[in-house]
Structures are given as C-alpha cells and as structure tokens.
Amino acid sequence: AFLERRRQLLAKYHESACALFTAHPGYHDRADFLFRYTLHTQSGFETAQQGFLSRGVHARRGVDELLHRRLGLNDHDFPGAAELFDKNISVPFYPSLNEREAAKVVSAMREVFGAA
C-alpha cells in the first residue's frame, strides 16, 4: 500500500513537473526506488526552500549531507555533487500524505517555479 501511494504521488508530481520544466530528469513512469522527489532550481536551495515554506510546505535538500564533505574533501573535486546539493530541493513525498496535502505540494511547486 505504501509503494502504491508513492506511485500515485509520483504520477501527480511528475505531471506538474513536466509542465513546469522543459526537461525533468530522473523520474520515469515506473520508478523502482521511490524515496524522495527532487526538483532542480536555478535560484538555489535556500530561495526555493523559503518559497515552499511561505506556502506552508516544508521542503529539504535532496540529500542531507555530501559524502566528500564528510570526508573532508574539497567541493572543487566534486563540482557536480556540490552543484546538485546547492540547487536541488526535495518536496514531501511520503505515503501518509492525503490528497489535500499532496495538492498543496503541487500548488507550491507551481507557484515557486513560476506557473501559478
């Protein structure tokens, strides 16, 4: 039931994301690993997070921490990881979201990313 609910959320979010972005990488109609739903923002994580928070949606980073930083390595050696960390945002994507809450996330996505 949890996996089916995540698939339903994936379809709902993916439909909105495809309308907002000309290319939305990483998600397919059938995804085998449904843990987070992330979006890439040109404005940066903090700006996007504030946009979501102002609409009552708590969004977080795509990952909590970069492994190379934990190991004391320089971002210069991992530019792709550092950029994604700084520009990806993960929206609520858990099975207990009800339809009203999921619609709120979709509405916030549209407003934050410019298609209100």
C-alpha atoms as a PDB file:
ATOM      1  CA  ALA A   1       0.000   0.000   0.000  1.00  0.00           C
ATOM      2  CA  PHE A   2       2.869   2.386   0.796  1.00  0.00           C
ATOM      3  CA  LEU A   3       4.554   1.730  -2.524  1.00  0.00           C
ATOM      4  CA  GLU A   4       1.287   2.205  -4.397  1.00  0.00           C
ATOM      5  CA  ARG A   5       0.689   5.524  -2.625  1.00  0.00           C
ATOM      6  CA  ARG A   6       4.178   6.697  -3.558  1.00  0.00           C
ATOM      7  CA  ARG A   7       3.464   5.746  -7.177  1.00  0.00           C
ATOM      8  CA  GLN A   8       0.296   7.842  -7.070  1.00  0.00           C
ATOM      9  CA  LEU A   9       2.246  10.806  -5.682  1.00  0.00           C
ATOM     10  CA  LEU A  10       4.960  10.274  -8.294  1.00  0.00           C
ATOM     11  CA  ALA A  11       2.388  10.499 -11.098  1.00  0.00           C
ATOM     12  CA  LYS A  12       0.809  13.636  -9.622  1.00  0.00           C
ATOM     13  CA  TYR A  13       4.136  15.396  -9.034  1.00  0.00           C
ATOM     14  CA  HIS A  14       5.633  14.279 -12.333  1.00  0.00           C
ATOM     15  CA  GLU A  15       2.684  15.679 -14.284  1.00  0.00           C
ATOM     16  CA  SER A  16       3.184  19.080 -12.665  1.00  0.00           C
ATOM     17  CA  ALA A  17       6.967  18.993 -13.005  1.00  0.00           C
ATOM     18  CA  CYS A  18       6.742  18.185 -16.713  1.00  0.00           C
ATOM     19  CA  ALA A  19       4.502  21.216 -17.185  1.00  0.00           C
ATOM     20  CA  LEU A  20       6.998  23.420 -15.320  1.00  0.00           C
ATOM     21  CA  PHE A  21      10.274  22.251 -16.815  1.00  0.00           C
ATOM     22  CA  THR A  22      11.165  21.540 -20.428  1.00  0.00           C
ATOM     23  CA  ALA A  23      13.259  18.595 -19.259  1.00  0.00           C
ATOM     24  CA  HIS A  24      12.707  16.887 -15.955  1.00  0.00           C
ATOM     25  CA  PRO A  25      15.478  14.339 -15.408  1.00  0.00           C
ATOM     26  CA  GLY A  26      15.469  11.365 -13.158  1.00  0.00           C
ATOM     27  CA  TYR A  27      11.885  10.213 -12.955  1.00  0.00           C
ATOM     28  CA  HIS A  28      10.068   7.731 -15.106  1.00  0.00           C
ATOM     29  CA  ASP A  29       6.505   6.494 -15.154  1.00  0.00           C
ATOM     30  CA  ARG A  30       7.775   3.374 -13.405  1.00  0.00           C
ATOM     31  CA  ALA A  31      10.377   4.027 -10.781  1.00  0.00           C
ATOM     32  CA  ASP A  32      11.680   1.169  -8.676  1.00  0.00           C
ATOM     33  CA  PHE A  33      13.071   3.318  -5.875  1.00  0.00           C
ATOM     34  CA  LEU A  34      10.566   5.840  -4.564  1.00  0.00           C
ATOM     35  CA  PHE A  35      12.093   7.634  -1.599  1.00  0.00           C
ATOM     36  CA  ARG A  36      12.398  11.340  -2.429  1.00  0.00           C
ATOM     37  CA  TYR A  37      11.009  13.582  -5.135  1.00  0.00           C
ATOM     38  CA  THR A  38      13.588  16.208  -6.015  1.00  0.00           C
ATOM     39  CA  LEU A  39      13.461  19.231  -8.278  1.00  0.00           C
ATOM     40  CA  HIS A  40      16.323  21.281  -9.681  1.00  0.00           C
ATOM     41  CA  THR A  41      16.096  25.014  -9.089  1.00  0.00           C
ATOM     42  CA  GLN A  42      18.177  27.716 -10.717  1.00  0.00           C
ATOM     43  CA  SER A  43      17.560  30.057  -7.782  1.00  0.00           C
ATOM     44  CA  GLY A  44      19.312  27.797  -5.296  1.00  0.00           C
ATOM     45  CA  PHE A  45      18.109  25.675  -2.432  1.00  0.00           C
ATOM     46  CA  GLU A  46      17.602  28.400   0.193  1.00  0.00           C
ATOM     47  CA  THR A  47      15.485  30.596  -2.097  1.00  0.00           C
ATOM     48  CA  ALA A  48      13.330  27.671  -3.197  1.00  0.00           C
ATOM     49  CA  GLN A  49      13.004  26.394   0.374  1.00  0.00           C
ATOM     50  CA  GLN A  50      11.764  29.808   1.528  1.00  0.00           C
ATOM     51  CA  GLY A  51       9.272  29.824  -1.335  1.00  0.00           C
ATOM     52  CA  PHE A  52       7.885  26.478  -0.223  1.00  0.00           C
ATOM     53  CA  LEU A  53       7.895  27.453   3.469  1.00  0.00           C
ATOM     54  CA  SER A  54       5.946  30.641   2.715  1.00  0.00           C
ATOM     55  CA  ARG A  55       3.276  28.370   1.208  1.00  0.00           C
ATOM     56  CA  GLY A  56       3.195  26.037   4.198  1.00  0.00           C
ATOM     57  CA  VAL A  57       5.267  23.232   2.658  1.00  0.00           C
ATOM     58  CA  HIS A  58       8.432  22.007   4.348  1.00  0.00           C
ATOM     59  CA  ALA A  59      10.977  21.085   1.660  1.00  0.00           C
ATOM     60  CA  ARG A  60      14.512  19.937   2.272  1.00  0.00           C
ATOM     61  CA  ARG A  61      17.694  19.175   0.390  1.00  0.00           C
ATOM     62  CA  GLY A  62      17.847  16.239  -1.997  1.00  0.00           C
ATOM     63  CA  VAL A  63      20.390  14.614   0.339  1.00  0.00           C
ATOM     64  CA  ASP A  64      21.225  15.512   3.906  1.00  0.00           C
ATOM     65  CA  GLU A  65      24.988  15.617   3.511  1.00  0.00           C
ATOM     66  CA  LEU A  66      27.612  15.151   0.832  1.00  0.00           C
ATOM     67  CA  LEU A  67      29.952  12.254   1.489  1.00  0.00           C
ATOM     68  CA  HIS A  68      33.026  14.062   0.194  1.00  0.00           C
ATOM     69  CA  ARG A  69      32.413  16.913   2.636  1.00  0.00           C
ATOM     70  CA  ARG A  70      32.076  14.460   5.499  1.00  0.00           C
ATOM     71  CA  LEU A  71      35.436  13.017   4.478  1.00  0.00           C
ATOM     72  CA  GLY A  72      36.988  16.497   4.427  1.00  0.00           C
ATOM     73  CA  LEU A  73      37.402  16.604   0.647  1.00  0.00           C
ATOM     74  CA  ASN A  74      37.100  19.757  -1.437  1.00  0.00           C
ATOM     75  CA  ASP A  75      33.996  20.676  -3.460  1.00  0.00           C
ATOM     76  CA  HIS A  76      36.345  21.591  -6.310  1.00  0.00           C
ATOM     77  CA  ASP A  77      36.991  17.885  -6.838  1.00  0.00           C
ATOM     78  CA  PHE A  78      33.239  17.100  -6.861  1.00  0.00           C
ATOM     79  CA  PRO A  79      31.628  20.010  -8.747  1.00  0.00           C
ATOM     80  CA  GLY A  80      28.569  18.092  -9.913  1.00  0.00           C
ATOM     81  CA  ALA A  81      27.699  16.860  -6.445  1.00  0.00           C
ATOM     82  CA  ALA A  82      28.197  20.305  -4.919  1.00  0.00           C
ATOM     83  CA  GLU A  83      26.010  21.975  -7.557  1.00  0.00           C
ATOM     84  CA  LEU A  84      23.203  19.460  -7.122  1.00  0.00           C
ATOM     85  CA  PHE A  85      23.407  19.841  -3.357  1.00  0.00           C
ATOM     86  CA  ASP A  86      23.093  23.612  -3.703  1.00  0.00           C
ATOM     87  CA  LYS A  87      20.310  23.579  -6.314  1.00  0.00           C
ATOM     88  CA  ASN A  88      18.111  20.531  -5.666  1.00  0.00           C
ATOM     89  CA  ILE A  89      15.125  20.528  -3.365  1.00  0.00           C
ATOM     90  CA  SER A  90      13.133  17.565  -2.101  1.00  0.00           C
ATOM     91  CA  VAL A  91       9.392  18.039  -1.607  1.00  0.00           C
ATOM     92  CA  PRO A  92       7.223  15.992   0.779  1.00  0.00           C
ATOM     93  CA  PHE A  93       6.765  12.531  -0.724  1.00  0.00           C
ATOM     94  CA  TYR A  94       5.583  10.076   1.882  1.00  0.00           C
ATOM     95  CA  PRO A  95       2.719   7.600   1.830  1.00  0.00           C
ATOM     96  CA  SER A  96       0.719   9.263   4.606  1.00  0.00           C
ATOM     97  CA  LEU A  97       0.187  12.467   2.578  1.00  0.00           C
ATOM     98  CA  ASN A  98      -3.513  12.864   1.945  1.00  0.00           C
ATOM     99  CA  GLU A  99      -4.927  14.340  -1.265  1.00  0.00           C
ATOM    100  CA  ARG A 100      -5.280  17.835   0.229  1.00  0.00           C
ATOM    101  CA  GLU A 101      -1.647  17.827   1.365  1.00  0.00           C
ATOM    102  CA  ALA A 102      -0.409  16.486  -1.986  1.00  0.00           C
ATOM    103  CA  ALA A 103      -2.413  19.175  -3.800  1.00  0.00           C
ATOM    104  CA  LYS A 104      -0.772  21.781  -1.542  1.00  0.00           C
ATOM    105  CA  VAL A 105       2.673  20.492  -2.559  1.00  0.00           C
ATOM    106  CA  VAL A 106       1.726  20.615  -6.254  1.00  0.00           C
ATOM    107  CA  SER A 107       0.335  24.133  -5.878  1.00  0.00           C
ATOM    108  CA  ALA A 108       3.525  25.263  -4.131  1.00  0.00           C
ATOM    109  CA  MET A 109       5.622  23.676  -6.891  1.00  0.00           C
ATOM    110  CA  ARG A 110       3.680  25.660  -9.498  1.00  0.00           C
ATOM    111  CA  GLU A 111       3.964  28.916  -7.574  1.00  0.00           C
ATOM    112  CA  VAL A 112       7.630  28.567  -6.624  1.00  0.00           C
ATOM    113  CA  PHE A 113       8.677  27.533 -10.120  1.00  0.00           C
ATOM    114  CA  GLY A 114       6.596  30.129 -11.913  1.00  0.00           C
ATOM    115  CA  ALA A 115       3.462  28.535 -13.325  1.00  0.00           C
ATOM    116  CA  ALA A 116       0.799  29.648 -10.858  1.00  0.00           C
END
